[in-house]
Amino acid sequence: MEKIYLVLLLFVLSSCNTQVMTPQKFETVQPGMPIEEVEKQCGEPYQVKTMSSGFKEHTYIQRIPVSSESDEHEVYVIYSCKGRVVSKNIRLDPKGIDVNYRQ
C-alpha cells in the first residue's frame, strides 16, 4: 500500500515541474520563431502586454538569489507580431520585481 502512495506522490510531483527561462534557453529564441514554440521550450511568460502598435511583449523573469534576504531578477523580454518573434532583449533588474510580496 505504501508503494502505491509513493508512486502516486511521485506522479503528482512530476506534474508540478514548471519550466524556467534561462540564458541558454533565451539564446535559442530567434526572430521568425513561432511564439507557441517559445512557450513550449521556455514555459509560460510572467506577463504578456499588447502594445498600441499591435506587437506583444512577453516578459520572463529569472530570480537570482543574492543573499537570504534579497535577490536580483534577470528580465527577458520577447516581442512578437502575428504570432512570431520579431525582437528580444535581456536586462538585469537590480531592484527586482516583487513576485512574492510579504508584509
PDB file of N, CA and C in Angstrom:
ATOM      1  N   MET A   1       0.821  -1.197   0.000  1.00  0.00           N
ATOM      2  CA  MET A   1       0.000   0.000   0.000  1.00  0.00           C
ATOM      3  C   MET A   1       0.866   1.262   0.000  1.00  0.00           C
ATOM      4  N   GLU A   2       1.968   1.231   0.756  1.00  0.00           N
ATOM      5  CA  GLU A   2       2.858   2.389   0.798  1.00  0.00           C
ATOM      6  C   GLU A   2       3.466   2.664  -0.572  1.00  0.00           C
ATOM      7  N   LYS A   3       3.731   1.600  -1.335  1.00  0.00           N
ATOM      8  CA  LYS A   3       4.311   1.780  -2.665  1.00  0.00           C
ATOM      9  C   LYS A   3       3.342   2.517  -3.585  1.00  0.00           C
ATOM     10  N   ILE A   4       2.067   2.228  -3.442  1.00  0.00           N
ATOM     11  CA  ILE A   4       1.057   2.903  -4.263  1.00  0.00           C
ATOM     12  C   ILE A   4       1.036   4.393  -3.942  1.00  0.00           C
ATOM     13  N   TYR A   5       1.077   4.726  -2.650  1.00  0.00           N
ATOM     14  CA  TYR A   5       1.099   6.132  -2.254  1.00  0.00           C
ATOM     15  C   TYR A   5       2.364   6.825  -2.747  1.00  0.00           C
ATOM     16  N   LEU A   6       3.480   6.136  -2.685  1.00  0.00           N
ATOM     17  CA  LEU A   6       4.741   6.700  -3.150  1.00  0.00           C
ATOM     18  C   LEU A   6       4.698   6.971  -4.655  1.00  0.00           C
ATOM     19  N   VAL A   7       4.191   6.017  -5.420  1.00  0.00           N
ATOM     20  CA  VAL A   7       4.079   6.190  -6.868  1.00  0.00           C
ATOM     21  C   VAL A   7       3.129   7.344  -7.186  1.00  0.00           C
ATOM     22  N   LEU A   8       2.017   7.404  -6.484  1.00  0.00           N
ATOM     23  CA  LEU A   8       1.056   8.486  -6.688  1.00  0.00           C
ATOM     24  C   LEU A   8       1.679   9.846  -6.352  1.00  0.00           C
ATOM     25  N   LEU A   9       2.414   9.913  -5.262  1.00  0.00           N
ATOM     26  CA  LEU A   9       3.084  11.148  -4.867  1.00  0.00           C
ATOM     27  C   LEU A   9       4.111  11.575  -5.913  1.00  0.00           C
ATOM     28  N   LEU A  10       4.895  10.643  -6.405  1.00  0.00           N
ATOM     29  CA  LEU A  10       5.890  10.953  -7.434  1.00  0.00           C
ATOM     30  C   LEU A  10       5.226  11.452  -8.710  1.00  0.00           C
ATOM     31  N   PHE A  11       4.109  10.860  -9.068  1.00  0.00           N
ATOM     32  CA  PHE A  11       3.371  11.298 -10.256  1.00  0.00           C
ATOM     33  C   PHE A  11       2.886  12.734 -10.093  1.00  0.00           C
ATOM     34  N   VAL A  12       2.315  13.037  -8.945  1.00  0.00           N
ATOM     35  CA  VAL A  12       1.806  14.384  -8.686  1.00  0.00           C
ATOM     36  C   VAL A  12       2.950  15.396  -8.701  1.00  0.00           C
ATOM     37  N   LEU A  13       4.055  15.073  -8.053  1.00  0.00           N
ATOM     38  CA  LEU A  13       5.190  15.993  -8.012  1.00  0.00           C
ATOM     39  C   LEU A  13       5.815  16.198  -9.383  1.00  0.00           C
ATOM     40  N   SER A  14       5.858  15.163 -10.187  1.00  0.00           N
ATOM     41  CA  SER A  14       6.452  15.306 -11.520  1.00  0.00           C
ATOM     42  C   SER A  14       5.589  16.177 -12.424  1.00  0.00           C
ATOM     43  N   SER A  15       4.294  16.210 -12.178  1.00  0.00           N
ATOM     44  CA  SER A  15       3.422  17.056 -12.991  1.00  0.00           C
ATOM     45  C   SER A  15       3.502  18.519 -12.574  1.00  0.00           C
ATOM     46  N   CYS A  16       4.158  18.809 -11.446  1.00  0.00           N
ATOM     47  CA  CYS A  16       4.312  20.188 -10.979  1.00  0.00           C
ATOM     48  C   CYS A  16       5.539  20.866 -11.570  1.00  0.00           C
ATOM     49  N   ASN A  17       6.286  20.180 -12.385  1.00  0.00           N
ATOM     50  CA  ASN A  17       7.506  20.732 -12.964  1.00  0.00           C
ATOM     51  C   ASN A  17       7.174  21.906 -13.883  1.00  0.00           C
ATOM     52  N   THR A  18       7.690  23.079 -13.552  1.00  0.00           N
ATOM     53  CA  THR A  18       7.488  24.240 -14.403  1.00  0.00           C
ATOM     54  C   THR A  18       8.810  24.621 -15.046  1.00  0.00           C
ATOM     55  N   GLN A  19       8.724  25.084 -16.265  1.00  0.00           N
ATOM     56  CA  GLN A  19       9.928  25.487 -16.966  1.00  0.00           C
ATOM     57  C   GLN A  19      10.294  26.906 -16.567  1.00  0.00           C
ATOM     58  N   VAL A  20      11.584  27.173 -16.546  1.00  0.00           N
ATOM     59  CA  VAL A  20      12.092  28.481 -16.171  1.00  0.00           C
ATOM     60  C   VAL A  20      12.972  29.000 -17.299  1.00  0.00           C
ATOM     61  N   MET A  21      12.817  30.266 -17.633  1.00  0.00           N
ATOM     62  CA  MET A  21      13.673  30.870 -18.650  1.00  0.00           C
ATOM     63  C   MET A  21      15.088  30.975 -18.095  1.00  0.00           C
ATOM     64  N   THR A  22      16.054  30.608 -18.899  1.00  0.00           N
ATOM     65  CA  THR A  22      17.470  30.699 -18.551  1.00  0.00           C
ATOM     66  C   THR A  22      18.202  31.398 -19.698  1.00  0.00           C
ATOM     67  N   PRO A  23      19.427  31.862 -19.463  1.00  0.00           N
ATOM     68  CA  PRO A  23      20.188  32.464 -20.568  1.00  0.00           C
ATOM     69  C   PRO A  23      20.358  31.501 -21.745  1.00  0.00           C
ATOM     70  N   GLN A  24      20.534  30.223 -21.451  1.00  0.00           N
ATOM     71  CA  GLN A  24      20.705  29.229 -22.514  1.00  0.00           C
ATOM     72  C   GLN A  24      19.433  29.098 -23.355  1.00  0.00           C
ATOM     73  N   LYS A  25      18.281  29.053 -22.705  1.00  0.00           N
ATOM     74  CA  LYS A  25      17.017  28.963 -23.442  1.00  0.00           C
ATOM     75  C   LYS A  25      16.753  30.243 -24.222  1.00  0.00           C
ATOM     76  N   PHE A  26      17.090  31.390 -23.622  1.00  0.00           N
ATOM     77  CA  PHE A  26      16.866  32.670 -24.284  1.00  0.00           C
ATOM     78  C   PHE A  26      17.682  32.764 -25.569  1.00  0.00           C
ATOM     79  N   GLU A  27      18.881  32.201 -25.562  1.00  0.00           N
ATOM     80  CA  GLU A  27      19.730  32.216 -26.761  1.00  0.00           C
ATOM     81  C   GLU A  27      19.095  31.456 -27.922  1.00  0.00           C
ATOM     82  N   THR A  28      18.268  30.453 -27.621  1.00  0.00           N
ATOM     83  CA  THR A  28      17.645  29.663 -28.689  1.00  0.00           C
ATOM     84  C   THR A  28      16.484  30.391 -29.361  1.00  0.00           C
ATOM     85  N   VAL A  29      15.975  31.441 -28.718  1.00  0.00           N
ATOM     86  CA  VAL A  29      14.861  32.204 -29.280  1.00  0.00           C
ATOM     87  C   VAL A  29      15.397  33.080 -30.412  1.00  0.00           C
ATOM     88  N   GLN A  30      14.842  32.907 -31.602  1.00  0.00           N
ATOM     89  CA  GLN A  30      15.315  33.629 -32.786  1.00  0.00           C
ATOM     90  C   GLN A  30      14.155  34.339 -33.483  1.00  0.00           C
ATOM     91  N   PRO A  31      14.436  35.476 -34.129  1.00  0.00           N
ATOM     92  CA  PRO A  31      13.392  36.153 -34.905  1.00  0.00           C
ATOM     93  C   PRO A  31      12.777  35.210 -35.938  1.00  0.00           C
ATOM     94  N   GLY A  32      11.459  35.300 -36.070  1.00  0.00           N
ATOM     95  CA  GLY A  32      10.733  34.445 -37.003  1.00  0.00           C
ATOM     96  C   GLY A  32      10.180  33.187 -36.363  1.00  0.00           C
ATOM     97  N   MET A  33      10.663  32.858 -35.177  1.00  0.00           N
ATOM     98  CA  MET A  33      10.217  31.660 -34.465  1.00  0.00           C
ATOM     99  C   MET A  33       8.773  31.856 -33.989  1.00  0.00           C
ATOM    100  N   PRO A  34       7.909  30.842 -34.131  1.00  0.00           N
ATOM    101  CA  PRO A  34       6.538  30.963 -33.612  1.00  0.00           C
ATOM    102  C   PRO A  34       6.551  31.117 -32.087  1.00  0.00           C
ATOM    103  N   ILE A  35       5.732  32.014 -31.576  1.00  0.00           N
ATOM    104  CA  ILE A  35       5.697  32.259 -30.135  1.00  0.00           C
ATOM    105  C   ILE A  35       5.229  31.013 -29.382  1.00  0.00           C
ATOM    106  N   GLU A  36       4.415  30.173 -30.030  1.00  0.00           N
ATOM    107  CA  GLU A  36       3.980  28.921 -29.393  1.00  0.00           C
ATOM    108  C   GLU A  36       5.180  28.011 -29.128  1.00  0.00           C
ATOM    109  N   GLU A  37       6.131  28.009 -30.036  1.00  0.00           N
ATOM    110  CA  GLU A  37       7.339  27.198 -29.855  1.00  0.00           C
ATOM    111  C   GLU A  37       8.178  27.740 -28.695  1.00  0.00           C
ATOM    112  N   VAL A  38       8.243  29.062 -28.578  1.00  0.00           N
ATOM    113  CA  VAL A  38       8.964  29.685 -27.462  1.00  0.00           C
ATOM    114  C   VAL A  38       8.337  29.248 -26.147  1.00  0.00           C
ATOM    115  N   GLU A  39       7.009  29.310 -26.063  1.00  0.00           N
ATOM    116  CA  GLU A  39       6.322  28.935 -24.828  1.00  0.00           C
ATOM    117  C   GLU A  39       6.473  27.450 -24.530  1.00  0.00           C
ATOM    118  N   LYS A  40       6.557  26.628 -25.565  1.00  0.00           N
ATOM    119  CA  LYS A  40       6.764  25.198 -25.347  1.00  0.00           C
ATOM    120  C   LYS A  40       8.159  24.941 -24.766  1.00  0.00           C
ATOM    121  N   GLN A  41       9.158  25.653 -25.260  1.00  0.00           N
ATOM    122  CA  GLN A  41      10.538  25.465 -24.810  1.00  0.00           C
ATOM    123  C   GLN A  41      10.830  26.164 -23.489  1.00  0.00           C
ATOM    124  N   CYS A  42      10.229  27.334 -23.285  1.00  0.00           N
ATOM    125  CA  CYS A  42      10.606  28.184 -22.156  1.00  0.00           C
ATOM    126  C   CYS A  42       9.528  28.328 -21.090  1.00  0.00           C
ATOM    127  N   GLY A  43       8.347  27.823 -21.347  1.00  0.00           N
ATOM    128  CA  GLY A  43       7.255  27.932 -20.394  1.00  0.00           C
ATOM    129  C   GLY A  43       6.415  29.176 -20.628  1.00  0.00           C
ATOM    130  N   GLU A  44       5.416  29.333 -19.791  1.00  0.00           N
ATOM    131  CA  GLU A  44       4.516  30.483 -19.883  1.00  0.00           C
ATOM    132  C   GLU A  44       5.246  31.739 -19.417  1.00  0.00           C
ATOM    133  N   PRO A  45       5.050  32.859 -20.084  1.00  0.00           N
ATOM    134  CA  PRO A  45       5.681  34.099 -19.628  1.00  0.00           C
ATOM    135  C   PRO A  45       5.037  34.606 -18.344  1.00  0.00           C
ATOM    136  N   TYR A  46       5.793  35.413 -17.608  1.00  0.00           N
ATOM    137  CA  TYR A  46       5.285  36.044 -16.394  1.00  0.00           C
ATOM    138  C   TYR A  46       4.164  37.017 -16.744  1.00  0.00           C
ATOM    139  N   GLN A  47       4.351  37.724 -17.875  1.00  0.00           N
ATOM    140  CA  GLN A  47       3.367  38.729 -18.276  1.00  0.00           C
ATOM    141  C   GLN A  47       3.388  38.876 -19.796  1.00  0.00           C
ATOM    142  N   VAL A  48       2.221  39.119 -20.377  1.00  0.00           N
ATOM    143  CA  VAL A  48       2.118  39.433 -21.809  1.00  0.00           C
ATOM    144  C   VAL A  48       1.314  40.722 -21.935  1.00  0.00           C
ATOM    145  N   LYS A  49       1.915  41.719 -22.590  1.00  0.00           N
ATOM    146  CA  LYS A  49       1.235  43.000 -22.812  1.00  0.00           C
ATOM    147  C   LYS A  49       1.050  43.199 -24.308  1.00  0.00           C
ATOM    148  N   THR A  50      -0.136  43.643 -24.698  1.00  0.00           N
ATOM    149  CA  THR A  50      -0.364  44.029 -26.085  1.00  0.00           C
ATOM    150  C   THR A  50      -0.122  45.526 -26.181  1.00  0.00           C
ATOM    151  N   MET A  51       0.802  45.902 -27.046  1.00  0.00           N
ATOM    152  CA  MET A  51       1.172  47.305 -27.197  1.00  0.00           C
ATOM    153  C   MET A  51       0.253  47.981 -28.216  1.00  0.00           C
ATOM    154  N   SER A  52       0.227  49.300 -28.215  1.00  0.00           N
ATOM    155  CA  SER A  52      -0.657  50.038 -29.122  1.00  0.00           C
ATOM    156  C   SER A  52      -0.332  49.766 -30.592  1.00  0.00           C
ATOM    157  N   SER A  53       0.907  49.375 -30.868  1.00  0.00           N
ATOM    158  CA  SER A  53       1.320  49.074 -32.246  1.00  0.00           C
ATOM    159  C   SER A  53       0.830  47.711 -32.720  1.00  0.00           C
ATOM    160  N   GLY A  54       0.271  46.920 -31.787  1.00  0.00           N
ATOM    161  CA  GLY A  54      -0.169  45.573 -32.136  1.00  0.00           C
ATOM    162  C   GLY A  54       0.854  44.509 -31.778  1.00  0.00           C
ATOM    163  N   PHE A  55       2.071  44.936 -31.457  1.00  0.00           N
ATOM    164  CA  PHE A  55       3.089  43.994 -31.012  1.00  0.00           C
ATOM    165  C   PHE A  55       2.738  43.499 -29.618  1.00  0.00           C
ATOM    166  N   LYS A  56       3.224  42.320 -29.279  1.00  0.00           N
ATOM    167  CA  LYS A  56       3.045  41.789 -27.931  1.00  0.00           C
ATOM    168  C   LYS A  56       4.408  41.706 -27.260  1.00  0.00           C
ATOM    169  N   GLU A  57       4.421  42.034 -25.976  1.00  0.00           N
ATOM    170  CA  GLU A  57       5.635  41.996 -25.175  1.00  0.00           C
ATOM    171  C   GLU A  57       5.491  40.850 -24.168  1.00  0.00           C
ATOM    172  N   HIS A  58       6.303  39.815 -24.316  1.00  0.00           N
ATOM    173  CA  HIS A  58       6.272  38.639 -23.445  1.00  0.00           C
ATOM    174  C   HIS A  58       7.430  38.766 -22.459  1.00  0.00           C
ATOM    175  N   THR A  59       7.124  38.851 -21.168  1.00  0.00           N
ATOM    176  CA  THR A  59       8.150  39.052 -20.149  1.00  0.00           C
ATOM    177  C   THR A  59       8.346  37.782 -19.337  1.00  0.00           C
ATOM    178  N   TYR A  60       9.599  37.359 -19.241  1.00  0.00           N
ATOM    179  CA  TYR A  60      10.006  36.219 -18.414  1.00  0.00           C
ATOM    180  C   TYR A  60      10.950  36.744 -17.344  1.00  0.00           C
ATOM    181  N   ILE A  61      10.902  36.186 -16.146  1.00  0.00           N
ATOM    182  CA  ILE A  61      11.749  36.636 -15.048  1.00  0.00           C
ATOM    183  C   ILE A  61      12.490  35.443 -14.459  1.00  0.00           C
ATOM    184  N   GLN A  62      13.802  35.593 -14.302  1.00  0.00           N
ATOM    185  CA  GLN A  62      14.613  34.582 -13.622  1.00  0.00           C
ATOM    186  C   GLN A  62      15.112  35.211 -12.328  1.00  0.00           C
ATOM    187  N   ARG A  63      14.782  34.609 -11.206  1.00  0.00           N
ATOM    188  CA  ARG A  63      15.225  35.123  -9.912  1.00  0.00           C
ATOM    189  C   ARG A  63      16.621  34.590  -9.616  1.00  0.00           C
ATOM    190  N   ILE A  64      17.515  35.492  -9.200  1.00  0.00           N
ATOM    191  CA  ILE A  64      18.893  35.130  -8.885  1.00  0.00           C
ATOM    192  C   ILE A  64      19.144  35.496  -7.428  1.00  0.00           C
ATOM    193  N   PRO A  65      19.251  34.499  -6.535  1.00  0.00           N
ATOM    194  CA  PRO A  65      19.478  34.803  -5.118  1.00  0.00           C
ATOM    195  C   PRO A  65      20.818  35.511  -4.907  1.00  0.00           C
ATOM    196  N   VAL A  66      20.780  36.600  -4.138  1.00  0.00           N
ATOM    197  CA  VAL A  66      21.988  37.337  -3.786  1.00  0.00           C
ATOM    198  C   VAL A  66      22.344  37.050  -2.340  1.00  0.00           C
ATOM    199  N   SER A  67      21.339  36.971  -1.505  1.00  0.00           N
ATOM    200  CA  SER A  67      21.503  36.620  -0.096  1.00  0.00           C
ATOM    201  C   SER A  67      20.202  35.971   0.361  1.00  0.00           C
ATOM    202  N   SER A  68      20.145  35.631   1.636  1.00  0.00           N
ATOM    203  CA  SER A  68      18.914  35.014   2.140  1.00  0.00           C
ATOM    204  C   SER A  68      17.762  36.013   2.185  1.00  0.00           C
ATOM    205  N   GLU A  69      18.075  37.297   2.131  1.00  0.00           N
ATOM    206  CA  GLU A  69      17.050  38.333   2.223  1.00  0.00           C
ATOM    207  C   GLU A  69      16.697  39.002   0.895  1.00  0.00           C
ATOM    208  N   SER A  70      17.548  38.842  -0.113  1.00  0.00           N
ATOM    209  CA  SER A  70      17.265  39.557  -1.357  1.00  0.00           C
ATOM    210  C   SER A  70      17.700  38.757  -2.574  1.00  0.00           C
ATOM    211  N   ASP A  71      17.173  39.165  -3.697  1.00  0.00           N
ATOM    212  CA  ASP A  71      17.576  38.560  -4.959  1.00  0.00           C
ATOM    213  C   ASP A  71      17.493  39.605  -6.060  1.00  0.00           C
ATOM    214  N   GLU A  72      18.153  39.302  -7.163  1.00  0.00           N
ATOM    215  CA  GLU A  72      18.082  40.137  -8.348  1.00  0.00           C
ATOM    216  C   GLU A  72      17.233  39.392  -9.363  1.00  0.00           C
ATOM    217  N   HIS A  73      16.819  40.109 -10.360  1.00  0.00           N
ATOM    218  CA  HIS A  73      15.997  39.492 -11.389  1.00  0.00           C
ATOM    219  C   HIS A  73      16.589  39.748 -12.762  1.00  0.00           C
ATOM    220  N   GLU A  74      16.728  38.696 -13.516  1.00  0.00           N
ATOM    221  CA  GLU A  74      17.100  38.805 -14.919  1.00  0.00           C
ATOM    222  C   GLU A  74      15.765  38.869 -15.663  1.00  0.00           C
ATOM    223  N   VAL A  75      15.562  39.910 -16.436  1.00  0.00           N
ATOM    224  CA  VAL A  75      14.290  40.100 -17.124  1.00  0.00           C
ATOM    225  C   VAL A  75      14.510  39.868 -18.616  1.00  0.00           C
ATOM    226  N   TYR A  76      13.821  38.885 -19.153  1.00  0.00           N
ATOM    227  CA  TYR A  76      13.910  38.536 -20.568  1.00  0.00           C
ATOM    228  C   TYR A  76      12.633  39.028 -21.244  1.00  0.00           C
ATOM    229  N   VAL A  77      12.782  39.824 -22.289  1.00  0.00           N
ATOM    230  CA  VAL A  77      11.616  40.359 -22.988  1.00  0.00           C
ATOM    231  C   VAL A  77      11.673  39.911 -24.441  1.00  0.00           C
ATOM    232  N   ILE A  78      10.575  39.328 -24.892  1.00  0.00           N
ATOM    233  CA  ILE A  78      10.456  38.867 -26.276  1.00  0.00           C
ATOM    234  C   ILE A  78       9.281  39.613 -26.901  1.00  0.00           C
ATOM    235  N   TYR A  79       9.525  40.214 -28.050  1.00  0.00           N
ATOM    236  CA  TYR A  79       8.474  40.935 -28.767  1.00  0.00           C
ATOM    237  C   TYR A  79       8.002  40.075 -29.927  1.00  0.00           C
ATOM    238  N   SER A  80       6.684  40.012 -30.092  1.00  0.00           N
ATOM    239  CA  SER A  80       6.131  39.220 -31.193  1.00  0.00           C
ATOM    240  C   SER A  80       5.086  40.034 -31.947  1.00  0.00           C
ATOM    241  N   CYS A  81       4.876  39.632 -33.180  1.00  0.00           N
ATOM    242  CA  CYS A  81       3.841  40.222 -34.023  1.00  0.00           C
ATOM    243  C   CYS A  81       3.290  39.112 -34.899  1.00  0.00           C
ATOM    244  N   LYS A  82       1.979  39.011 -34.956  1.00  0.00           N
ATOM    245  CA  LYS A  82       1.305  37.976 -35.742  1.00  0.00           C
ATOM    246  C   LYS A  82       1.811  36.580 -35.381  1.00  0.00           C
ATOM    247  N   GLY A  83       2.077  36.369 -34.073  1.00  0.00           N
ATOM    248  CA  GLY A  83       2.445  35.042 -33.588  1.00  0.00           C
ATOM    249  C   GLY A  83       3.892  34.640 -33.798  1.00  0.00           C
ATOM    250  N   ARG A  84       4.744  35.585 -34.227  1.00  0.00           N
ATOM    251  CA  ARG A  84       6.154  35.261 -34.473  1.00  0.00           C
ATOM    252  C   ARG A  84       7.063  36.257 -33.752  1.00  0.00           C
ATOM    253  N   VAL A  85       8.205  35.761 -33.294  1.00  0.00           N
ATOM    254  CA  VAL A  85       9.189  36.596 -32.612  1.00  0.00           C
ATOM    255  C   VAL A  85       9.770  37.600 -33.604  1.00  0.00           C
ATOM    256  N   VAL A  86       9.825  38.869 -33.187  1.00  0.00           N
ATOM    257  CA  VAL A  86      10.446  39.895 -34.029  1.00  0.00           C
ATOM    258  C   VAL A  86      11.692  40.494 -33.378  1.00  0.00           C
ATOM    259  N   SER A  87      11.773  40.427 -32.050  1.00  0.00           N
ATOM    260  CA  SER A  87      12.904  41.017 -31.343  1.00  0.00           C
ATOM    261  C   SER A  87      12.949  40.460 -29.924  1.00  0.00           C
ATOM    262  N   LYS A  88      14.097  40.651 -29.263  1.00  0.00           N
ATOM    263  CA  LYS A  88      14.226  40.218 -27.870  1.00  0.00           C
ATOM    264  C   LYS A  88      15.301  41.055 -27.195  1.00  0.00           C
ATOM    265  N   ASN A  89      15.219  41.172 -25.873  1.00  0.00           N
ATOM    266  CA  ASN A  89      16.293  41.799 -25.112  1.00  0.00           C
ATOM    267  C   ASN A  89      16.306  41.243 -23.703  1.00  0.00           C
ATOM    268  N   ILE A  90      17.388  41.518 -23.007  1.00  0.00           N
ATOM    269  CA  ILE A  90      17.580  41.000 -21.662  1.00  0.00           C
ATOM    270  C   ILE A  90      18.168  42.113 -20.812  1.00  0.00           C
ATOM    271  N   ARG A  91      17.736  42.179 -19.556  1.00  0.00           N
ATOM    272  CA  ARG A  91      18.303  43.186 -18.659  1.00  0.00           C
ATOM    273  C   ARG A  91      18.300  42.653 -17.232  1.00  0.00           C
ATOM    274  N   LEU A  92      19.234  43.136 -16.469  1.00  0.00           N
ATOM    275  CA  LEU A  92      19.306  42.809 -15.053  1.00  0.00           C
ATOM    276  C   LEU A  92      18.568  43.898 -14.308  1.00  0.00           C
ATOM    277  N   ASP A  93      17.613  43.515 -13.506  1.00  0.00           N
ATOM    278  CA  ASP A  93      16.838  44.473 -12.733  1.00  0.00           C
ATOM    279  C   ASP A  93      17.308  44.384 -11.287  1.00  0.00           C
ATOM    280  N   PRO A  94      18.271  45.224 -10.860  1.00  0.00           N
ATOM    281  CA  PRO A  94      18.838  45.092  -9.523  1.00  0.00           C
ATOM    282  C   PRO A  94      17.840  45.333  -8.401  1.00  0.00           C
ATOM    283  N   LYS A  95      16.838  46.180  -8.634  1.00  0.00           N
ATOM    284  CA  LYS A  95      15.844  46.383  -7.579  1.00  0.00           C
ATOM    285  C   LYS A  95      14.797  45.289  -7.582  1.00  0.00           C
ATOM    286  N   GLY A  96      14.746  44.529  -8.658  1.00  0.00           N
ATOM    287  CA  GLY A  96      13.872  43.369  -8.714  1.00  0.00           C
ATOM    288  C   GLY A  96      12.417  43.704  -8.942  1.00  0.00           C
ATOM    289  N   ILE A  97      11.686  42.676  -9.196  1.00  0.00           N
ATOM    290  CA  ILE A  97      10.239  42.745  -9.321  1.00  0.00           C
ATOM    291  C   ILE A  97       9.695  41.890  -8.195  1.00  0.00           C
ATOM    292  N   ASP A  98       8.873  42.458  -7.361  1.00  0.00           N
ATOM    293  CA  ASP A  98       8.416  41.762  -6.165  1.00  0.00           C
ATOM    294  C   ASP A  98       7.325  40.763  -6.518  1.00  0.00           C
ATOM    295  N   VAL A  99       7.730  39.525  -6.824  1.00  0.00           N
ATOM    296  CA  VAL A  99       6.756  38.497  -7.171  1.00  0.00           C
ATOM    297  C   VAL A  99       6.246  37.756  -5.943  1.00  0.00           C
ATOM    298  N   ASN A 100       6.907  37.922  -4.807  1.00  0.00           N
ATOM    299  CA  ASN A 100       6.488  37.286  -3.556  1.00  0.00           C
ATOM    300  C   ASN A 100       6.386  38.349  -2.469  1.00  0.00           C
ATOM    301  N   TYR A 101       5.465  39.233  -2.624  1.00  0.00           N
ATOM    302  CA  TYR A 101       5.308  40.329  -1.674  1.00  0.00           C
ATOM    303  C   TYR A 101       4.879  39.791  -0.320  1.00  0.00           C
ATOM    304  N   ARG A 102       5.617  40.218   0.733  1.00  0.00           N
ATOM    305  CA  ARG A 102       5.283  39.815   2.108  1.00  0.00           C
ATOM    306  C   ARG A 102       5.189  41.059   2.978  1.00  0.00           C
ATOM    307  N   GLN A 103       4.224  41.088   3.862  1.00  0.00           N
ATOM    308  CA  GLN A 103       4.115  42.215   4.795  1.00  0.00           C
ATOM    309  C   GLN A 103       4.584  41.785   6.150  1.00  0.00           C
TER     310      GLN A 103
END
